[in-house]
Amino acid sequence: ELTVESPTTTAREARRTLFEEDDRDDELLDREDVAKLLKEKDTQIAMLTRQLEAAGCAAVTEVVPLAEAKARLQRAVEAMAEGSAEAEAEAEKMSAVIDNHPEHLEALKREHEAWLE
């Protein structure tokens, strides 16, 4: 589960997956339909974030491409090695992004399936 800090990022993420997840692939969606779907996704994200927090878990607060998250984690680890106290928070944040990123999870699944064969 992931959430984002800004509404524009939420909208951007929803737009990217909107047509992949919508059951009405054969219909054209007008602006009103798209706005409704984006609002529903924003509401769902907010509800799931509150559920995570109520369960004592920290929600992922930033959506970034997997490659960027890996690069930022690497930079944070290097900064920590040089004594940067602030870099630890960035390392933890990017580690959570990577651990929960759909592309990363899919790669782990493929590795596991290959190992089983």
N, C-alpha and C. Protein backbone atom coordinates (compact mmCIF):
# COMPACT_ATOMS: atom_id res chain seq x y z
N GLU A 1 0.83 -1.18 0.00
CA GLU A 1 0.00 0.00 0.00
C GLU A 1 0.87 1.23 0.00
N LEU A 2 0.50 2.21 -0.78
CA LEU A 2 1.28 3.42 -0.80
C LEU A 2 0.38 4.64 -0.87
N THR A 3 0.90 5.71 -0.38
CA THR A 3 0.20 6.97 -0.43
C THR A 3 1.21 8.04 -0.79
N VAL A 4 0.74 9.22 -0.99
CA VAL A 4 1.63 10.29 -1.43
C VAL A 4 1.37 11.56 -0.64
N GLU A 5 2.34 12.47 -0.67
CA GLU A 5 2.23 13.69 0.10
C GLU A 5 1.39 14.75 -0.58
N SER A 6 1.43 14.84 -1.89
CA SER A 6 0.73 15.93 -2.55
C SER A 6 -0.39 15.41 -3.44
N PRO A 7 -1.50 16.15 -3.52
CA PRO A 7 -2.60 15.73 -4.37
C PRO A 7 -2.21 15.62 -5.84
N THR A 8 -1.26 16.42 -6.29
CA THR A 8 -0.86 16.35 -7.70
C THR A 8 -0.16 15.03 -7.99
N THR A 9 0.63 14.54 -7.06
CA THR A 9 1.27 13.24 -7.25
C THR A 9 0.23 12.14 -7.26
N THR A 10 -0.76 12.23 -6.39
CA THR A 10 -1.83 11.25 -6.35
C THR A 10 -2.55 11.22 -7.69
N ALA A 11 -2.87 12.37 -8.20
CA ALA A 11 -3.57 12.45 -9.49
C ALA A 11 -2.70 11.89 -10.61
N ARG A 12 -1.41 12.21 -10.58
CA ARG A 12 -0.49 11.73 -11.61
C ARG A 12 -0.44 10.21 -11.58
N GLU A 13 -0.30 9.62 -10.39
CA GLU A 13 -0.25 8.17 -10.26
C GLU A 13 -1.56 7.55 -10.72
N ALA A 14 -2.67 8.15 -10.36
CA ALA A 14 -3.97 7.62 -10.76
C ALA A 14 -4.14 7.68 -12.27
N ARG A 15 -3.70 8.77 -12.87
CA ARG A 15 -3.82 8.89 -14.33
C ARG A 15 -2.99 7.80 -15.03
N ARG A 16 -1.82 7.50 -14.45
CA ARG A 16 -0.94 6.52 -15.08
C ARG A 16 -1.57 5.13 -15.06
N THR A 17 -2.32 4.79 -14.02
CA THR A 17 -2.89 3.45 -13.90
C THR A 17 -4.37 3.40 -14.23
N LEU A 18 -4.98 4.52 -14.47
CA LEU A 18 -6.42 4.60 -14.65
C LEU A 18 -6.94 3.62 -15.68
N PHE A 19 -6.36 3.63 -16.86
CA PHE A 19 -6.89 2.81 -17.94
C PHE A 19 -6.45 1.36 -17.83
N GLU A 20 -5.41 1.08 -17.03
CA GLU A 20 -5.01 -0.30 -16.81
C GLU A 20 -5.97 -0.99 -15.86
N GLU A 21 -6.52 -0.26 -14.88
CA GLU A 21 -7.33 -0.86 -13.84
C GLU A 21 -8.82 -0.74 -14.07
N ASP A 22 -9.23 0.12 -14.96
CA ASP A 22 -10.66 0.34 -15.15
C ASP A 22 -11.27 -0.78 -15.97
N ASP A 23 -12.43 -1.28 -15.56
CA ASP A 23 -13.10 -2.36 -16.26
C ASP A 23 -13.74 -1.90 -17.56
N ARG A 24 -13.84 -0.60 -17.76
CA ARG A 24 -14.54 -0.07 -18.93
C ARG A 24 -13.55 0.28 -20.03
N ASP A 25 -12.63 -0.61 -20.34
CA ASP A 25 -11.58 -0.35 -21.34
C ASP A 25 -12.16 0.03 -22.70
N ASP A 26 -13.34 -0.50 -23.02
CA ASP A 26 -13.89 -0.26 -24.35
C ASP A 26 -14.68 1.05 -24.42
N GLU A 27 -14.82 1.76 -23.32
CA GLU A 27 -15.56 3.02 -23.31
C GLU A 27 -14.59 4.19 -23.21
N LEU A 28 -14.97 5.29 -23.81
CA LEU A 28 -14.22 6.51 -23.61
C LEU A 28 -14.72 7.17 -22.34
N LEU A 29 -13.80 7.62 -21.51
CA LEU A 29 -14.18 8.28 -20.27
C LEU A 29 -14.14 9.79 -20.47
N ASP A 30 -15.17 10.45 -20.04
CA ASP A 30 -15.13 11.90 -20.13
C ASP A 30 -14.48 12.47 -18.88
N ARG A 31 -14.27 13.77 -18.86
CA ARG A 31 -13.59 14.43 -17.74
C ARG A 31 -14.28 14.15 -16.41
N GLU A 32 -15.59 14.13 -16.42
CA GLU A 32 -16.34 13.90 -15.19
C GLU A 32 -16.07 12.49 -14.65
N ASP A 33 -16.04 11.50 -15.56
CA ASP A 33 -15.74 10.13 -15.14
C ASP A 33 -14.34 10.03 -14.56
N VAL A 34 -13.39 10.65 -15.23
CA VAL A 34 -12.01 10.61 -14.77
C VAL A 34 -11.89 11.30 -13.42
N ALA A 35 -12.51 12.45 -13.26
CA ALA A 35 -12.47 13.17 -11.99
C ALA A 35 -13.06 12.32 -10.87
N LYS A 36 -14.15 11.63 -11.15
CA LYS A 36 -14.79 10.78 -10.14
C LYS A 36 -13.86 9.63 -9.75
N LEU A 37 -13.24 8.99 -10.74
CA LEU A 37 -12.33 7.89 -10.45
C LEU A 37 -11.11 8.37 -9.64
N LEU A 38 -10.58 9.54 -9.99
CA LEU A 38 -9.44 10.08 -9.24
C LEU A 38 -9.83 10.39 -7.80
N LYS A 39 -11.01 10.96 -7.61
CA LYS A 39 -11.49 11.26 -6.25
C LYS A 39 -11.66 9.98 -5.45
N GLU A 40 -12.20 8.94 -6.08
CA GLU A 40 -12.36 7.66 -5.40
C GLU A 40 -11.00 7.08 -4.99
N LYS A 41 -10.02 7.17 -5.87
CA LYS A 41 -8.68 6.68 -5.56
C LYS A 41 -8.06 7.48 -4.42
N ASP A 42 -8.21 8.81 -4.45
CA ASP A 42 -7.69 9.64 -3.37
C ASP A 42 -8.33 9.26 -2.04
N THR A 43 -9.63 9.01 -2.04
CA THR A 43 -10.34 8.62 -0.82
C THR A 43 -9.84 7.27 -0.33
N GLN A 44 -9.69 6.33 -1.24
CA GLN A 44 -9.20 5.01 -0.86
C GLN A 44 -7.79 5.10 -0.28
N ILE A 45 -6.94 5.88 -0.89
CA ILE A 45 -5.57 6.05 -0.39
C ILE A 45 -5.59 6.63 1.02
N ALA A 46 -6.41 7.64 1.24
CA ALA A 46 -6.49 8.26 2.56
C ALA A 46 -6.99 7.26 3.60
N MET A 47 -7.99 6.47 3.24
CA MET A 47 -8.52 5.48 4.17
C MET A 47 -7.47 4.41 4.51
N LEU A 48 -6.78 3.93 3.51
CA LEU A 48 -5.76 2.91 3.74
C LEU A 48 -4.59 3.46 4.55
N THR A 49 -4.23 4.70 4.31
CA THR A 49 -3.17 5.34 5.09
C THR A 49 -3.56 5.40 6.56
N ARG A 50 -4.81 5.81 6.82
CA ARG A 50 -5.28 5.86 8.22
C ARG A 50 -5.30 4.47 8.85
N GLN A 51 -5.67 3.44 8.08
CA GLN A 51 -5.65 2.08 8.60
C GLN A 51 -4.23 1.67 9.00
N LEU A 52 -3.28 1.96 8.14
CA LEU A 52 -1.89 1.62 8.44
C LEU A 52 -1.42 2.32 9.71
N GLU A 53 -1.71 3.61 9.79
CA GLU A 53 -1.27 4.38 10.96
C GLU A 53 -1.95 3.88 12.22
N ALA A 54 -3.23 3.52 12.15
CA ALA A 54 -3.95 2.98 13.31
C ALA A 54 -3.35 1.65 13.75
N ALA A 55 -2.79 0.91 12.81
CA ALA A 55 -2.16 -0.38 13.11
C ALA A 55 -0.71 -0.20 13.55
N GLY A 56 -0.26 1.04 13.64
CA GLY A 56 1.11 1.30 14.09
C GLY A 56 2.15 1.22 12.99
N CYS A 57 1.72 1.21 11.74
CA CYS A 57 2.65 1.15 10.61
C CYS A 57 2.76 2.53 9.97
N ALA A 58 3.93 2.82 9.46
CA ALA A 58 4.12 4.08 8.74
C ALA A 58 3.83 3.84 7.27
N ALA A 59 3.00 4.67 6.70
CA ALA A 59 2.68 4.56 5.28
C ALA A 59 3.80 5.17 4.45
N VAL A 60 4.01 4.63 3.26
CA VAL A 60 4.97 5.21 2.32
C VAL A 60 4.39 6.56 1.92
N THR A 61 5.19 7.61 2.02
CA THR A 61 4.68 8.96 1.79
C THR A 61 5.16 9.59 0.51
N GLU A 62 5.90 8.84 -0.27
CA GLU A 62 6.40 9.41 -1.52
C GLU A 62 6.40 8.33 -2.59
N VAL A 63 5.91 8.66 -3.76
CA VAL A 63 5.90 7.73 -4.88
C VAL A 63 6.98 8.16 -5.86
N VAL A 64 7.96 7.29 -6.04
CA VAL A 64 9.05 7.58 -6.98
C VAL A 64 9.32 6.32 -7.79
N PRO A 65 9.88 6.47 -8.97
CA PRO A 65 10.27 5.29 -9.75
C PRO A 65 11.27 4.45 -8.97
N LEU A 66 11.23 3.15 -9.18
CA LEU A 66 12.10 2.23 -8.44
C LEU A 66 13.57 2.58 -8.61
N ALA A 67 13.99 2.88 -9.82
CA ALA A 67 15.40 3.22 -10.07
C ALA A 67 15.81 4.46 -9.28
N GLU A 68 14.93 5.45 -9.22
CA GLU A 68 15.24 6.66 -8.45
C GLU A 68 15.34 6.35 -6.96
N ALA A 69 14.44 5.52 -6.45
CA ALA A 69 14.48 5.15 -5.03
C ALA A 69 15.79 4.44 -4.71
N LYS A 70 16.23 3.55 -5.59
CA LYS A 70 17.49 2.83 -5.37
C LYS A 70 18.67 3.80 -5.37
N ALA A 71 18.66 4.74 -6.30
CA ALA A 71 19.75 5.72 -6.38
C ALA A 71 19.76 6.61 -5.13
N ARG A 72 18.60 7.03 -4.70
CA ARG A 72 18.53 7.87 -3.50
C ARG A 72 18.96 7.10 -2.25
N LEU A 73 18.60 5.82 -2.18
CA LEU A 73 19.05 5.00 -1.05
C LEU A 73 20.57 4.89 -1.06
N GLN A 74 21.13 4.65 -2.23
CA GLN A 74 22.59 4.54 -2.34
C GLN A 74 23.27 5.83 -1.89
N ARG A 75 22.75 6.97 -2.34
CA ARG A 75 23.33 8.26 -1.93
C ARG A 75 23.20 8.46 -0.42
N ALA A 76 22.06 8.07 0.14
CA ALA A 76 21.85 8.23 1.58
C ALA A 76 22.81 7.35 2.38
N VAL A 77 23.02 6.13 1.92
CA VAL A 77 23.96 5.23 2.60
C VAL A 77 25.37 5.80 2.54
N GLU A 78 25.74 6.33 1.39
CA GLU A 78 27.07 6.95 1.26
C GLU A 78 27.20 8.15 2.18
N ALA A 79 26.14 8.95 2.28
CA ALA A 79 26.17 10.12 3.16
C ALA A 79 26.26 9.69 4.62
N MET A 80 25.57 8.60 4.98
CA MET A 80 25.64 8.09 6.35
C MET A 80 27.06 7.63 6.67
N ALA A 81 27.72 7.00 5.68
CA ALA A 81 29.09 6.54 5.89
C ALA A 81 30.04 7.71 6.12
N GLU A 82 29.65 8.88 5.60
CA GLU A 82 30.47 10.08 5.78
C GLU A 82 30.06 10.85 7.03
N GLY A 83 29.10 10.30 7.80
CA GLY A 83 28.73 10.91 9.07
C GLY A 83 27.48 11.77 9.06
N SER A 84 26.72 11.77 8.01
CA SER A 84 25.51 12.59 7.93
C SER A 84 24.38 11.96 8.75
N ALA A 85 23.93 12.67 9.77
CA ALA A 85 22.83 12.18 10.61
C ALA A 85 21.50 12.28 9.87
N GLU A 86 21.35 13.30 9.02
CA GLU A 86 20.09 13.49 8.29
C GLU A 86 19.85 12.40 7.25
N ALA A 87 20.91 11.78 6.78
CA ALA A 87 20.79 10.79 5.71
C ALA A 87 20.08 9.52 6.18
N GLU A 88 20.08 9.26 7.46
CA GLU A 88 19.44 8.04 7.97
C GLU A 88 17.94 8.05 7.68
N ALA A 89 17.29 9.19 7.87
CA ALA A 89 15.86 9.29 7.60
C ALA A 89 15.57 9.04 6.12
N GLU A 90 16.41 9.60 5.24
CA GLU A 90 16.24 9.38 3.80
C GLU A 90 16.45 7.91 3.46
N ALA A 91 17.44 7.28 4.08
CA ALA A 91 17.70 5.87 3.82
C ALA A 91 16.51 5.01 4.25
N GLU A 92 15.96 5.28 5.40
CA GLU A 92 14.79 4.53 5.88
C GLU A 92 13.59 4.74 4.97
N LYS A 93 13.40 5.98 4.55
CA LYS A 93 12.27 6.32 3.67
C LYS A 93 12.39 5.59 2.33
N MET A 94 13.58 5.64 1.71
CA MET A 94 13.76 5.00 0.41
C MET A 94 13.76 3.48 0.53
N SER A 95 14.22 2.97 1.65
CA SER A 95 14.16 1.53 1.88
C SER A 95 12.70 1.07 1.91
N ALA A 96 11.84 1.83 2.57
CA ALA A 96 10.42 1.50 2.63
C ALA A 96 9.78 1.61 1.24
N VAL A 97 10.18 2.62 0.49
CA VAL A 97 9.65 2.76 -0.88
C VAL A 97 10.02 1.54 -1.71
N ILE A 98 11.29 1.14 -1.65
CA ILE A 98 11.76 -0.01 -2.42
C ILE A 98 11.06 -1.29 -1.98
N ASP A 99 11.00 -1.51 -0.67
CA ASP A 99 10.40 -2.73 -0.14
C ASP A 99 8.93 -2.88 -0.53
N ASN A 100 8.24 -1.78 -0.77
CA ASN A 100 6.82 -1.82 -1.09
C ASN A 100 6.51 -1.49 -2.54
N HIS A 101 7.53 -1.25 -3.35
CA HIS A 101 7.32 -0.86 -4.74
C HIS A 101 6.82 -2.05 -5.55
N PRO A 102 5.76 -1.89 -6.32
CA PRO A 102 5.22 -3.01 -7.10
C PRO A 102 6.24 -3.67 -8.03
N GLU A 103 7.10 -2.89 -8.65
CA GLU A 103 8.11 -3.48 -9.55
C GLU A 103 9.09 -4.35 -8.77
N HIS A 104 9.48 -3.89 -7.59
CA HIS A 104 10.40 -4.65 -6.74
C HIS A 104 9.74 -5.95 -6.28
N LEU A 105 8.49 -5.85 -5.85
CA LEU A 105 7.77 -7.03 -5.39
C LEU A 105 7.59 -8.05 -6.52
N GLU A 106 7.33 -7.57 -7.71
CA GLU A 106 7.19 -8.47 -8.87
C GLU A 106 8.52 -9.16 -9.17
N ALA A 107 9.61 -8.42 -9.08
CA ALA A 107 10.93 -9.01 -9.32
C ALA A 107 11.24 -10.09 -8.27
N LEU A 108 10.90 -9.83 -7.03
CA LEU A 108 11.10 -10.83 -5.98
C LEU A 108 10.27 -12.08 -6.24
N LYS A 109 9.05 -11.87 -6.69
CA LYS A 109 8.16 -13.00 -7.00
C LYS A 109 8.76 -13.84 -8.13
N ARG A 110 9.25 -13.17 -9.18
CA ARG A 110 9.87 -13.89 -10.30
C ARG A 110 11.10 -14.67 -9.85
N GLU A 111 11.93 -14.04 -9.00
CA GLU A 111 13.12 -14.72 -8.49
C GLU A 111 12.73 -15.95 -7.68
N HIS A 112 11.72 -15.82 -6.86
CA HIS A 112 11.26 -16.94 -6.04
C HIS A 112 10.74 -18.08 -6.92
N GLU A 113 9.94 -17.74 -7.91
CA GLU A 113 9.38 -18.75 -8.82
C GLU A 113 10.50 -19.45 -9.59
N ALA A 114 11.51 -18.69 -10.02
CA ALA A 114 12.64 -19.28 -10.75
C ALA A 114 13.43 -20.21 -9.83
N TRP A 115 13.57 -19.84 -8.57
CA TRP A 115 14.29 -20.67 -7.63
C TRP A 115 13.57 -21.98 -7.38
N LEU A 116 12.23 -21.94 -7.40
CA LEU A 116 11.44 -23.14 -7.15
C LEU A 116 11.50 -24.12 -8.31
N GLU A 117 11.80 -23.62 -9.51
CA GLU A 117 11.81 -24.51 -10.68
C GLU A 117 13.05 -25.33 -10.79
